[in-house]
mmCIF file of all heavy atoms, coordinates in Angstrom:
data_MODEL
# 
_entry.id   MODEL 
# 
loop_
_atom_site.group_PDB 
_atom_site.id 
_atom_site.type_symbol 
_atom_site.label_atom_id 
_atom_site.label_alt_id 
_atom_site.label_comp_id 
_atom_site.label_asym_id 
_atom_site.label_entity_id 
_atom_site.label_seq_id 
_atom_site.pdbx_PDB_ins_code 
_atom_site.Cartn_x 
_atom_site.Cartn_y 
_atom_site.Cartn_z 
_atom_site.occupancy 
_atom_site.B_iso_or_equiv 
_atom_site.pdbx_formal_charge 
_atom_site.auth_seq_id 
_atom_site.auth_comp_id 
_atom_site.auth_asym_id 
_atom_site.auth_atom_id 
_atom_site.pdbx_PDB_model_num 
ATOM 1   N N   . LEU A 1 1  ? 1.670   6.960   -9.548  1.00 0.00 ? 1  LEU A N   1 
ATOM 2   C CA  . LEU A 1 1  ? 1.062   6.610   -8.275  1.00 0.00 ? 1  LEU A CA  1 
ATOM 3   C C   . LEU A 1 1  ? 2.108   5.870   -7.454  1.00 0.00 ? 1  LEU A C   1 
ATOM 4   O O   . LEU A 1 1  ? 2.737   4.932   -7.952  1.00 0.00 ? 1  LEU A O   1 
ATOM 5   C CB  . LEU A 1 1  ? -0.157  5.720   -8.482  1.00 0.00 ? 1  LEU A CB  1 
ATOM 6   C CG  . LEU A 1 1  ? -1.217  6.217   -9.460  1.00 0.00 ? 1  LEU A CG  1 
ATOM 7   C CD1 . LEU A 1 1  ? -2.418  5.282   -9.454  1.00 0.00 ? 1  LEU A CD1 1 
ATOM 8   C CD2 . LEU A 1 1  ? -1.634  7.633   -9.144  1.00 0.00 ? 1  LEU A CD2 1 
ATOM 9   N N   . VAL A 1 2  ? 2.286   6.278   -6.226  1.00 0.00 ? 2  VAL A N   1 
ATOM 10  C CA  . VAL A 1 2  ? 3.342   5.717   -5.385  1.00 0.00 ? 2  VAL A CA  1 
ATOM 11  C C   . VAL A 1 2  ? 2.724   4.767   -4.366  1.00 0.00 ? 2  VAL A C   1 
ATOM 12  O O   . VAL A 1 2  ? 1.988   5.201   -3.467  1.00 0.00 ? 2  VAL A O   1 
ATOM 13  C CB  . VAL A 1 2  ? 4.115   6.832   -4.669  1.00 0.00 ? 2  VAL A CB  1 
ATOM 14  C CG1 . VAL A 1 2  ? 5.217   6.232   -3.807  1.00 0.00 ? 2  VAL A CG1 1 
ATOM 15  C CG2 . VAL A 1 2  ? 4.705   7.810   -5.693  1.00 0.00 ? 2  VAL A CG2 1 
ATOM 16  N N   . GLU A 1 3  ? 3.035   3.489   -4.512  1.00 0.00 ? 3  GLU A N   1 
ATOM 17  C CA  . GLU A 1 3  ? 2.498   2.465   -3.629  1.00 0.00 ? 3  GLU A CA  1 
ATOM 18  C C   . GLU A 1 3  ? 3.528   2.065   -2.595  1.00 0.00 ? 3  GLU A C   1 
ATOM 19  O O   . GLU A 1 3  ? 4.735   2.103   -2.846  1.00 0.00 ? 3  GLU A O   1 
ATOM 20  C CB  . GLU A 1 3  ? 2.091   1.238   -4.446  1.00 0.00 ? 3  GLU A CB  1 
ATOM 21  C CG  . GLU A 1 3  ? 1.051   1.524   -5.505  1.00 0.00 ? 3  GLU A CG  1 
ATOM 22  C CD  . GLU A 1 3  ? 0.896   0.374   -6.458  1.00 0.00 ? 3  GLU A CD  1 
ATOM 23  O OE1 . GLU A 1 3  ? 1.542   -0.674  -6.229  1.00 0.00 ? 3  GLU A OE1 1 
ATOM 24  O OE2 . GLU A 1 3  ? 0.143   0.506   -7.422  1.00 0.00 ? 3  GLU A OE2 1 
ATOM 25  N N   . SER A 1 4  ? 3.022   1.615   -1.454  1.00 0.00 ? 4  SER A N   1 
ATOM 26  C CA  . SER A 1 4  ? 3.904   1.105   -0.405  1.00 0.00 ? 4  SER A CA  1 
ATOM 27  C C   . SER A 1 4  ? 3.112   0.171   0.487   1.00 0.00 ? 4  SER A C   1 
ATOM 28  O O   . SER A 1 4  ? 1.877   0.136   0.434   1.00 0.00 ? 4  SER A O   1 
ATOM 29  C CB  . SER A 1 4  ? 4.493   2.253   0.410   1.00 0.00 ? 4  SER A CB  1 
ATOM 30  O OG  . SER A 1 4  ? 3.467   3.003   1.029   1.00 0.00 ? 4  SER A OG  1 
ATOM 31  N N   . GLY A 1 5  ? 3.829   -0.603  1.298   1.00 0.00 ? 5  GLY A N   1 
ATOM 32  C CA  . GLY A 1 5  ? 3.185   -1.424  2.311   1.00 0.00 ? 5  GLY A CA  1 
ATOM 33  C C   . GLY A 1 5  ? 3.175   -2.908  2.044   1.00 0.00 ? 5  GLY A C   1 
ATOM 34  O O   . GLY A 1 5  ? 2.746   -3.681  2.907   1.00 0.00 ? 5  GLY A O   1 
ATOM 35  N N   . GLY A 1 6  ? 3.626   -3.335  0.882   1.00 0.00 ? 6  GLY A N   1 
ATOM 36  C CA  . GLY A 1 6  ? 3.664   -4.768  0.621   1.00 0.00 ? 6  GLY A CA  1 
ATOM 37  C C   . GLY A 1 6  ? 4.743   -5.455  1.427   1.00 0.00 ? 6  GLY A C   1 
ATOM 38  O O   . GLY A 1 6  ? 5.552   -4.814  2.106   1.00 0.00 ? 6  GLY A O   1 
ATOM 39  N N   . GLY A 1 7  ? 4.742   -6.788  1.371   1.00 0.00 ? 7  GLY A N   1 
ATOM 40  C CA  . GLY A 1 7  ? 5.764   -7.535  2.084   1.00 0.00 ? 7  GLY A CA  1 
ATOM 41  C C   . GLY A 1 7  ? 5.374   -8.980  2.270   1.00 0.00 ? 7  GLY A C   1 
ATOM 42  O O   . GLY A 1 7  ? 4.465   -9.484  1.621   1.00 0.00 ? 7  GLY A O   1 
ATOM 43  N N   . LEU A 1 8  ? 6.095   -9.628  3.171   1.00 0.00 ? 8  LEU A N   1 
ATOM 44  C CA  . LEU A 1 8  ? 5.881   -11.036 3.489   1.00 0.00 ? 8  LEU A CA  1 
ATOM 45  C C   . LEU A 1 8  ? 5.211   -11.141 4.849   1.00 0.00 ? 8  LEU A C   1 
ATOM 46  O O   . LEU A 1 8  ? 5.656   -10.517 5.822   1.00 0.00 ? 8  LEU A O   1 
ATOM 47  C CB  . LEU A 1 8  ? 7.224   -11.776 3.508   1.00 0.00 ? 8  LEU A CB  1 
ATOM 48  C CG  . LEU A 1 8  ? 7.214   -13.232 3.969   1.00 0.00 ? 8  LEU A CG  1 
ATOM 49  C CD1 . LEU A 1 8  ? 6.399   -14.093 3.019   1.00 0.00 ? 8  LEU A CD1 1 
ATOM 50  C CD2 . LEU A 1 8  ? 8.644   -13.745 4.084   1.00 0.00 ? 8  LEU A CD2 1 
ATOM 51  N N   . VAL A 1 9  ? 4.146   -11.930 4.916   1.00 0.00 ? 9  VAL A N   1 
ATOM 52  C CA  . VAL A 1 9  ? 3.412   -12.088 6.161   1.00 0.00 ? 9  VAL A CA  1 
ATOM 53  C C   . VAL A 1 9  ? 2.915   -13.521 6.260   1.00 0.00 ? 9  VAL A C   1 
ATOM 54  O O   . VAL A 1 9  ? 2.690   -14.178 5.236   1.00 0.00 ? 9  VAL A O   1 
ATOM 55  C CB  . VAL A 1 9  ? 2.242   -11.084 6.226   1.00 0.00 ? 9  VAL A CB  1 
ATOM 56  C CG1 . VAL A 1 9  ? 1.216   -11.362 5.158   1.00 0.00 ? 9  VAL A CG1 1 
ATOM 57  C CG2 . VAL A 1 9  ? 1.608   -11.052 7.603   1.00 0.00 ? 9  VAL A CG2 1 
ATOM 58  N N   . GLN A 1 10 ? 2.756   -13.998 7.470   1.00 0.00 ? 10 GLN A N   1 
ATOM 59  C CA  . GLN A 1 10 ? 2.221   -15.339 7.666   1.00 0.00 ? 10 GLN A CA  1 
ATOM 60  C C   . GLN A 1 10 ? 0.698   -15.328 7.513   1.00 0.00 ? 10 GLN A C   1 
ATOM 61  O O   . GLN A 1 10 ? 0.040   -14.299 7.714   1.00 0.00 ? 10 GLN A O   1 
ATOM 62  C CB  . GLN A 1 10 ? 2.591   -15.858 9.042   1.00 0.00 ? 10 GLN A CB  1 
ATOM 63  C CG  . GLN A 1 10 ? 4.059   -16.225 9.197   1.00 0.00 ? 10 GLN A CG  1 
ATOM 64  C CD  . GLN A 1 10 ? 4.352   -16.903 10.514  1.00 0.00 ? 10 GLN A CD  1 
ATOM 65  O OE1 . GLN A 1 10 ? 3.661   -16.696 11.510  1.00 0.00 ? 10 GLN A OE1 1 
ATOM 66  N NE2 . GLN A 1 10 ? 5.388   -17.738 10.532  1.00 0.00 ? 10 GLN A NE2 1 
ATOM 67  N N   . ALA A 1 11 ? 0.166   -16.463 7.172   1.00 0.00 ? 11 ALA A N   1 
ATOM 68  C CA  . ALA A 1 11 ? -1.283  -16.602 7.069   1.00 0.00 ? 11 ALA A CA  1 
ATOM 69  C C   . ALA A 1 11 ? -1.936  -16.173 8.378   1.00 0.00 ? 11 ALA A C   1 
ATOM 70  O O   . ALA A 1 11 ? -1.442  -16.506 9.463   1.00 0.00 ? 11 ALA A O   1 
ATOM 71  C CB  . ALA A 1 11 ? -1.654  -18.034 6.737   1.00 0.00 ? 11 ALA A CB  1 
ATOM 72  N N   . GLY A 1 12 ? -3.036  -15.424 8.237   1.00 0.00 ? 12 GLY A N   1 
ATOM 73  C CA  . GLY A 1 12 ? -3.715  -14.883 9.408   1.00 0.00 ? 12 GLY A CA  1 
ATOM 74  C C   . GLY A 1 12 ? -3.246  -13.497 9.803   1.00 0.00 ? 12 GLY A C   1 
ATOM 75  O O   . GLY A 1 12 ? -3.890  -12.838 10.636  1.00 0.00 ? 12 GLY A O   1 
ATOM 76  N N   . GLY A 1 13 ? -2.169  -13.054 9.202   1.00 0.00 ? 13 GLY A N   1 
ATOM 77  C CA  . GLY A 1 13 ? -1.612  -11.747 9.526   1.00 0.00 ? 13 GLY A CA  1 
ATOM 78  C C   . GLY A 1 13 ? -2.277  -10.620 8.755   1.00 0.00 ? 13 GLY A C   1 
ATOM 79  O O   . GLY A 1 13 ? -3.257  -10.836 8.025   1.00 0.00 ? 13 GLY A O   1 
ATOM 80  N N   . SER A 1 14 ? -1.728  -9.427  8.930   1.00 0.00 ? 14 SER A N   1 
ATOM 81  C CA  . SER A 1 14 ? -2.302  -8.226  8.326   1.00 0.00 ? 14 SER A CA  1 
ATOM 82  C C   . SER A 1 14 ? -1.223  -7.400  7.639   1.00 0.00 ? 14 SER A C   1 
ATOM 83  O O   . SER A 1 14 ? -0.047  -7.428  8.033   1.00 0.00 ? 14 SER A O   1 
ATOM 84  C CB  . SER A 1 14 ? -2.980  -7.362  9.392   1.00 0.00 ? 14 SER A CB  1 
ATOM 85  O OG  . SER A 1 14 ? -4.042  -8.046  10.016  1.00 0.00 ? 14 SER A OG  1 
ATOM 86  N N   . LEU A 1 15 ? -1.645  -6.680  6.624   1.00 0.00 ? 15 LEU A N   1 
ATOM 87  C CA  . LEU A 1 15 ? -0.817  -5.687  5.955   1.00 0.00 ? 15 LEU A CA  1 
ATOM 88  C C   . LEU A 1 15 ? -1.695  -4.514  5.572   1.00 0.00 ? 15 LEU A C   1 
ATOM 89  O O   . LEU A 1 15 ? -2.911  -4.682  5.362   1.00 0.00 ? 15 LEU A O   1 
ATOM 90  C CB  . LEU A 1 15 ? -0.166  -6.251  4.695   1.00 0.00 ? 15 LEU A CB  1 
ATOM 91  C CG  . LEU A 1 15 ? 1.022   -7.191  4.831   1.00 0.00 ? 15 LEU A CG  1 
ATOM 92  C CD1 . LEU A 1 15 ? 1.415   -7.751  3.465   1.00 0.00 ? 15 LEU A CD1 1 
ATOM 93  C CD2 . LEU A 1 15 ? 2.203   -6.480  5.465   1.00 0.00 ? 15 LEU A CD2 1 
ATOM 94  N N   . ARG A 1 16 ? -1.062  -3.354  5.460   1.00 0.00 ? 16 ARG A N   1 
ATOM 95  C CA  . ARG A 1 16 ? -1.784  -2.168  4.999   1.00 0.00 ? 16 ARG A CA  1 
ATOM 96  C C   . ARG A 1 16 ? -1.040  -1.574  3.813   1.00 0.00 ? 16 ARG A C   1 
ATOM 97  O O   . ARG A 1 16 ? 0.125   -1.174  3.940   1.00 0.00 ? 16 ARG A O   1 
ATOM 98  C CB  . ARG A 1 16 ? -1.889  -1.135  6.108   1.00 0.00 ? 16 ARG A CB  1 
ATOM 99  C CG  . ARG A 1 16 ? -2.800  0.040   5.770   1.00 0.00 ? 16 ARG A CG  1 
ATOM 100 C CD  . ARG A 1 16 ? -2.561  1.173   6.742   1.00 0.00 ? 16 ARG A CD  1 
ATOM 101 N NE  . ARG A 1 16 ? -3.610  2.173   6.718   1.00 0.00 ? 16 ARG A NE  1 
ATOM 102 C CZ  . ARG A 1 16 ? -3.448  3.419   7.142   1.00 0.00 ? 16 ARG A CZ  1 
ATOM 103 N NH1 . ARG A 1 16 ? -2.277  3.815   7.625   1.00 0.00 ? 16 ARG A NH1 1 
ATOM 104 N NH2 . ARG A 1 16 ? -4.452  4.273   7.100   1.00 0.00 ? 16 ARG A NH2 1 
ATOM 105 N N   . LEU A 1 17 ? -1.716  -1.511  2.682   1.00 0.00 ? 17 LEU A N   1 
ATOM 106 C CA  . LEU A 1 17 ? -1.138  -0.915  1.485   1.00 0.00 ? 17 LEU A CA  1 
ATOM 107 C C   . LEU A 1 17 ? -1.564  0.548   1.386   1.00 0.00 ? 17 LEU A C   1 
ATOM 108 O O   . LEU A 1 17 ? -2.682  0.902   1.770   1.00 0.00 ? 17 LEU A O   1 
ATOM 109 C CB  . LEU A 1 17 ? -1.588  -1.666  0.229   1.00 0.00 ? 17 LEU A CB  1 
ATOM 110 C CG  . LEU A 1 17 ? -1.341  -3.162  0.192   1.00 0.00 ? 17 LEU A CG  1 
ATOM 111 C CD1 . LEU A 1 17 ? -1.789  -3.728  -1.155  1.00 0.00 ? 17 LEU A CD1 1 
ATOM 112 C CD2 . LEU A 1 17 ? 0.109   -3.491  0.452   1.00 0.00 ? 17 LEU A CD2 1 
ATOM 113 N N   . SER A 1 18 ? -0.672  1.359   0.862   1.00 0.00 ? 18 SER A N   1 
ATOM 114 C CA  . SER A 1 18 ? -0.968  2.774   0.632   1.00 0.00 ? 18 SER A CA  1 
ATOM 115 C C   . SER A 1 18 ? -0.656  3.127   -0.814  1.00 0.00 ? 18 SER A C   1 
ATOM 116 O O   . SER A 1 18 ? 0.247   2.550   -1.423  1.00 0.00 ? 18 SER A O   1 
ATOM 117 C CB  . SER A 1 18 ? -0.127  3.666   1.552   1.00 0.00 ? 18 SER A CB  1 
ATOM 118 O OG  . SER A 1 18 ? -0.382  3.409   2.901   1.00 0.00 ? 18 SER A OG  1 
ATOM 119 N N   . CYS A 1 19 ? -1.386  4.074   -1.330  1.00 0.00 ? 19 CYS A N   1 
ATOM 120 C CA  . CYS A 1 19 ? -1.144  4.556   -2.690  1.00 0.00 ? 19 CYS A CA  1 
ATOM 121 C C   . CYS A 1 19 ? -1.374  6.062   -2.703  1.00 0.00 ? 19 CYS A C   1 
ATOM 122 O O   . CYS A 1 19 ? -2.498  6.526   -2.456  1.00 0.00 ? 19 CYS A O   1 
ATOM 123 C CB  . CYS A 1 19 ? -2.058  3.854   -3.681  1.00 0.00 ? 19 CYS A CB  1 
ATOM 124 S SG  . CYS A 1 19 ? -1.984  4.509   -5.354  1.00 0.00 ? 19 CYS A SG  1 
ATOM 125 N N   . ALA A 1 20 ? -0.355  6.809   -3.008  1.00 0.00 ? 20 ALA A N   1 
ATOM 126 C CA  . ALA A 1 20 ? -0.444  8.266   -3.043  1.00 0.00 ? 20 ALA A CA  1 
ATOM 127 C C   . ALA A 1 20 ? -0.377  8.769   -4.472  1.00 0.00 ? 20 ALA A C   1 
ATOM 128 O O   . ALA A 1 20 ? 0.427   8.293   -5.272  1.00 0.00 ? 20 ALA A O   1 
ATOM 129 C CB  . ALA A 1 20 ? 0.700   8.875   -2.234  1.00 0.00 ? 20 ALA A CB  1 
ATOM 130 N N   . THR A 1 21 ? -1.230  9.724   -4.783  1.00 0.00 ? 21 THR A N   1 
ATOM 131 C CA  . THR A 1 21 ? -1.202  10.357  -6.094  1.00 0.00 ? 21 THR A CA  1 
ATOM 132 C C   . THR A 1 21 ? -0.557  11.720  -5.938  1.00 0.00 ? 21 THR A C   1 
ATOM 133 O O   . THR A 1 21 ? -1.002  12.528  -5.132  1.00 0.00 ? 21 THR A O   1 
ATOM 134 C CB  . THR A 1 21 ? -2.624  10.530  -6.667  1.00 0.00 ? 21 THR A CB  1 
ATOM 135 O OG1 . THR A 1 21 ? -3.368  11.398  -5.816  1.00 0.00 ? 21 THR A OG1 1 
ATOM 136 C CG2 . THR A 1 21 ? -3.344  9.202   -6.760  1.00 0.00 ? 21 THR A CG2 1 
ATOM 137 N N   . PRO A 1 22 ? 0.497   11.992  -6.682  1.00 0.00 ? 22 PRO A N   1 
ATOM 138 C CA  . PRO A 1 22 ? 1.213   13.250  -6.510  1.00 0.00 ? 22 PRO A CA  1 
ATOM 139 C C   . PRO A 1 22 ? 0.504   14.451  -7.116  1.00 0.00 ? 22 PRO A C   1 
ATOM 140 O O   . PRO A 1 22 ? 0.827   15.573  -6.811  1.00 0.00 ? 22 PRO A O   1 
ATOM 141 C CB  . PRO A 1 22 ? 2.536   13.001  -7.228  1.00 0.00 ? 22 PRO A CB  1 
ATOM 142 C CG  . PRO A 1 22 ? 2.213   11.975  -8.246  1.00 0.00 ? 22 PRO A CG  1 
ATOM 143 C CD  . PRO A 1 22 ? 1.139   11.109  -7.654  1.00 0.00 ? 22 PRO A CD  1 
ATOM 144 N N   . GLU A 1 23 ? -0.446  14.191  -7.974  1.00 0.00 ? 23 GLU A N   1 
ATOM 145 C CA  . GLU A 1 23 ? -1.138  15.274  -8.629  1.00 0.00 ? 23 GLU A CA  1 
ATOM 146 C C   . GLU A 1 23 ? -2.583  15.354  -8.123  1.00 0.00 ? 23 GLU A C   1 
ATOM 147 O O   . GLU A 1 23 ? -3.067  14.478  -7.434  1.00 0.00 ? 23 GLU A O   1 
ATOM 148 C CB  . GLU A 1 23 ? -1.136  15.072  -10.156 1.00 0.00 ? 23 GLU A CB  1 
ATOM 149 C CG  . GLU A 1 23 ? 0.209   14.847  -10.772 1.00 0.00 ? 23 GLU A CG  1 
ATOM 150 C CD  . GLU A 1 23 ? 1.013   16.111  -10.857 1.00 0.00 ? 23 GLU A CD  1 
ATOM 151 O OE1 . GLU A 1 23 ? 0.409   17.193  -10.730 1.00 0.00 ? 23 GLU A OE1 1 
ATOM 152 O OE2 . GLU A 1 23 ? 2.240   16.021  -11.041 1.00 0.00 ? 23 GLU A OE2 1 
ATOM 153 N N   . THR A 1 24 ? -3.280  16.403  -8.531  1.00 0.00 ? 24 THR A N   1 
ATOM 154 C CA  . THR A 1 24 ? -4.680  16.564  -8.112  1.00 0.00 ? 24 THR A CA  1 
ATOM 155 C C   . THR A 1 24 ? -5.588  15.812  -9.071  1.00 0.00 ? 24 THR A C   1 
ATOM 156 O O   . THR A 1 24 ? -6.406  16.413  -9.781  1.00 0.00 ? 24 THR A O   1 
ATOM 157 C CB  . THR A 1 24 ? -5.057  18.049  -8.047  1.00 0.00 ? 24 THR A CB  1 
ATOM 158 O OG1 . THR A 1 24 ? -4.767  18.638  -9.328  1.00 0.00 ? 24 THR A OG1 1 
ATOM 159 C CG2 . THR A 1 24 ? -4.267  18.762  -6.971  1.00 0.00 ? 24 THR A CG2 1 
ATOM 160 N N   . ILE A 1 25 ? -5.424  14.498  -9.100  1.00 0.00 ? 25 ILE A N   1 
ATOM 161 C CA  . ILE A 1 25 ? -6.245  13.647  -9.965  1.00 0.00 ? 25 ILE A CA  1 
ATOM 162 C C   . ILE A 1 25 ? -6.883  12.540  -9.155  1.00 0.00 ? 25 ILE A C   1 
ATOM 163 O O   . ILE A 1 25 ? -7.070  11.434  -9.615  1.00 0.00 ? 25 ILE A O   1 
ATOM 164 C CB  . ILE A 1 25 ? -5.400  13.025  -11.102 1.00 0.00 ? 25 ILE A CB  1 
ATOM 165 C CG1 . ILE A 1 25 ? -4.228  12.232  -10.521 1.00 0.00 ? 25 ILE A CG1 1 
ATOM 166 C CG2 . ILE A 1 25 ? -4.898  14.095  -12.064 1.00 0.00 ? 25 ILE A CG2 1 
ATOM 167 C CD1 . ILE A 1 25 ? -3.617  11.267  -11.494 1.00 0.00 ? 25 ILE A CD1 1 
ATOM 168 N N   . PHE A 1 26 ? -7.215  12.844  -7.936  1.00 0.00 ? 26 PHE A N   1 
ATOM 169 C CA  . PHE A 1 26 ? -7.675  11.835  -6.994  1.00 0.00 ? 26 PHE A CA  1 
ATOM 170 C C   . PHE A 1 26 ? -9.136  11.511  -7.269  1.00 0.00 ? 26 PHE A C   1 
ATOM 171 O O   . PHE A 1 26 ? -10.036 12.155  -6.744  1.00 0.00 ? 26 PHE A O   1 
ATOM 172 C CB  . PHE A 1 26 ? -7.461  12.357  -5.574  1.00 0.00 ? 26 PHE A CB  1 
ATOM 173 C CG  . PHE A 1 26 ? -7.462  11.304  -4.513  1.00 0.00 ? 26 PHE A CG  1 
ATOM 174 C CD1 . PHE A 1 26 ? -6.817  10.106  -4.718  1.00 0.00 ? 26 PHE A CD1 1 
ATOM 175 C CD2 . PHE A 1 26 ? -8.088  11.532  -3.308  1.00 0.00 ? 26 PHE A CD2 1 
ATOM 176 C CE1 . PHE A 1 26 ? -6.790  9.137   -3.742  1.00 0.00 ? 26 PHE A CE1 1 
ATOM 177 C CE2 . PHE A 1 26 ? -8.079  10.577  -2.318  1.00 0.00 ? 26 PHE A CE2 1 
ATOM 178 C CZ  . PHE A 1 26 ? -7.431  9.373   -2.529  1.00 0.00 ? 26 PHE A CZ  1 
# 
């Protein structure tokens, strides 16, 4: 599973994480 979108943010901020599955096991 390939994750992305993490990082450093200040309190009150926003982030969006994504996770892709390369196979048909969703």
